[in-house]
Amino acid sequence: MRARYKNNGVKDPGVQGVLIMTEDKFDFSPDDPVQSAKLNVGFRSIEDYKVTNGGSQKKALLMFIRKPTTE
């Protein structure tokens, strides 16, 4: 699925790429291989999520909240 990865909030233009969902994780690969915005998130590490309604001018936004890592 075509997607845009935004790490710094809604106003960030984001990085274009492809989002792939497998049985146990999300993988995001940017179109530009120079970009460092790769994402590999296991479903077990997702604590919560938020979804916005896409308006007539805006696209819907899906945001994941990850569990804090313990060391």
C-alpha atoms as a PDB file:
ATOM      1  CA  MET A   1       0.000   0.000   0.000  1.00  0.00           C
ATOM      2  CA  ARG A   2       1.322   3.475  -0.840  1.00  0.00           C
ATOM      3  CA  ALA A   3       1.925   5.480   2.330  1.00  0.00           C
ATOM      4  CA  ARG A   4       3.740   8.469   3.759  1.00  0.00           C
ATOM      5  CA  TYR A   5       5.773   8.050   6.955  1.00  0.00           C
ATOM      6  CA  LYS A   6       5.704  11.045   9.311  1.00  0.00           C
ATOM      7  CA  ASN A   7       7.892  10.971  12.378  1.00  0.00           C
ATOM      8  CA  ASN A   8       7.589  14.537  13.661  1.00  0.00           C
ATOM      9  CA  GLY A   9       3.881  15.304  13.615  1.00  0.00           C
ATOM     10  CA  VAL A  10       1.135  16.339  11.256  1.00  0.00           C
ATOM     11  CA  LYS A  11       2.945  19.349   9.747  1.00  0.00           C
ATOM     12  CA  ASP A  12       5.916  17.203   8.694  1.00  0.00           C
ATOM     13  CA  PRO A  13       5.702  16.552   4.907  1.00  0.00           C
ATOM     14  CA  GLY A  14       6.733  12.936   5.463  1.00  0.00           C
ATOM     15  CA  VAL A  15       8.564  10.376   3.341  1.00  0.00           C
ATOM     16  CA  GLN A  16       6.816   8.600   0.450  1.00  0.00           C
ATOM     17  CA  GLY A  17       7.088   4.834   0.365  1.00  0.00           C
ATOM     18  CA  VAL A  18       5.367   1.478   0.652  1.00  0.00           C
ATOM     19  CA  LEU A  19       3.730   0.059   3.792  1.00  0.00           C
ATOM     20  CA  ILE A  20       3.446  -3.730   3.964  1.00  0.00           C
ATOM     21  CA  MET A  21       1.489  -5.559   6.663  1.00  0.00           C
ATOM     22  CA  THR A  22       2.417  -9.180   7.407  1.00  0.00           C
ATOM     23  CA  GLU A  23       1.019 -11.559  10.032  1.00  0.00           C
ATOM     24  CA  ASP A  24       3.074 -10.068  12.848  1.00  0.00           C
ATOM     25  CA  LYS A  25       4.443  -6.663  11.807  1.00  0.00           C
ATOM     26  CA  PHE A  26       4.330  -3.497   9.699  1.00  0.00           C
ATOM     27  CA  ASP A  27       7.213  -2.775   7.311  1.00  0.00           C
ATOM     28  CA  PHE A  28       7.723   0.624   5.682  1.00  0.00           C
ATOM     29  CA  SER A  29      10.281   1.100   2.913  1.00  0.00           C
ATOM     30  CA  PRO A  30      10.874   4.582   1.473  1.00  0.00           C
ATOM     31  CA  ASP A  31      10.863   5.146  -2.303  1.00  0.00           C
ATOM     32  CA  ASP A  32      14.232   6.897  -2.028  1.00  0.00           C
ATOM     33  CA  PRO A  33      16.857   4.399  -0.754  1.00  0.00           C
ATOM     34  CA  VAL A  34      18.930   7.292   0.646  1.00  0.00           C
ATOM     35  CA  GLN A  35      16.190   8.097   3.202  1.00  0.00           C
ATOM     36  CA  SER A  36      16.716   6.594   6.645  1.00  0.00           C
ATOM     37  CA  ALA A  37      12.981   6.395   7.390  1.00  0.00           C
ATOM     38  CA  LYS A  38      12.643   2.616   7.416  1.00  0.00           C
ATOM     39  CA  LEU A  39      10.131   1.207   9.849  1.00  0.00           C
ATOM     40  CA  ASN A  40       9.758  -2.329  11.162  1.00  0.00           C
ATOM     41  CA  VAL A  41       7.201  -2.536  13.998  1.00  0.00           C
ATOM     42  CA  GLY A  42       5.912  -5.747  15.523  1.00  0.00           C
ATOM     43  CA  PHE A  43       2.240  -5.782  16.460  1.00  0.00           C
ATOM     44  CA  ARG A  44       3.083  -6.796  20.041  1.00  0.00           C
ATOM     45  CA  SER A  45       4.978  -3.528  20.542  1.00  0.00           C
ATOM     46  CA  ILE A  46       1.934  -1.377  19.645  1.00  0.00           C
ATOM     47  CA  GLU A  47       0.188  -0.200  22.795  1.00  0.00           C
ATOM     48  CA  ASP A  48      -2.485   2.017  21.228  1.00  0.00           C
ATOM     49  CA  TYR A  49      -3.432   3.720  17.979  1.00  0.00           C
ATOM     50  CA  LYS A  50      -5.335   6.770  16.777  1.00  0.00           C
ATOM     51  CA  VAL A  51      -7.148   7.276  13.484  1.00  0.00           C
ATOM     52  CA  THR A  52      -8.271  10.633  12.140  1.00  0.00           C
ATOM     53  CA  ASN A  53     -11.216  11.089   9.812  1.00  0.00           C
ATOM     54  CA  GLY A  54     -10.114  12.297   6.418  1.00  0.00           C
ATOM     55  CA  GLY A  55     -11.965  15.476   5.526  1.00  0.00           C
ATOM     56  CA  SER A  56     -12.610  16.803   2.046  1.00  0.00           C
ATOM     57  CA  GLN A  57      -9.162  18.452   1.968  1.00  0.00           C
ATOM     58  CA  LYS A  58      -7.233  16.057   4.247  1.00  0.00           C
ATOM     59  CA  LYS A  59      -6.291  12.392   4.052  1.00  0.00           C
ATOM     60  CA  ALA A  60      -6.901  10.063   6.991  1.00  0.00           C
ATOM     61  CA  LEU A  61      -3.986   9.611   9.383  1.00  0.00           C
ATOM     62  CA  LEU A  62      -3.111   6.448  11.330  1.00  0.00           C
ATOM     63  CA  MET A  63      -0.820   6.925  14.339  1.00  0.00           C
ATOM     64  CA  PHE A  64       0.690   4.116  16.433  1.00  0.00           C
ATOM     65  CA  ILE A  65       1.762   4.494  20.052  1.00  0.00           C
ATOM     66  CA  ARG A  66       4.522   2.046  20.935  1.00  0.00           C
ATOM     67  CA  LYS A  67       5.111   0.474  24.327  1.00  0.00           C
ATOM     68  CA  PRO A  68       8.113   1.938  26.150  1.00  0.00           C
ATOM     69  CA  THR A  69      11.178  -0.251  25.837  1.00  0.00           C
ATOM     70  CA  THR A  70      12.603  -1.664  29.050  1.00  0.00           C
ATOM     71  CA  GLU A  71      16.292  -2.218  29.450  1.00  0.00           C
END
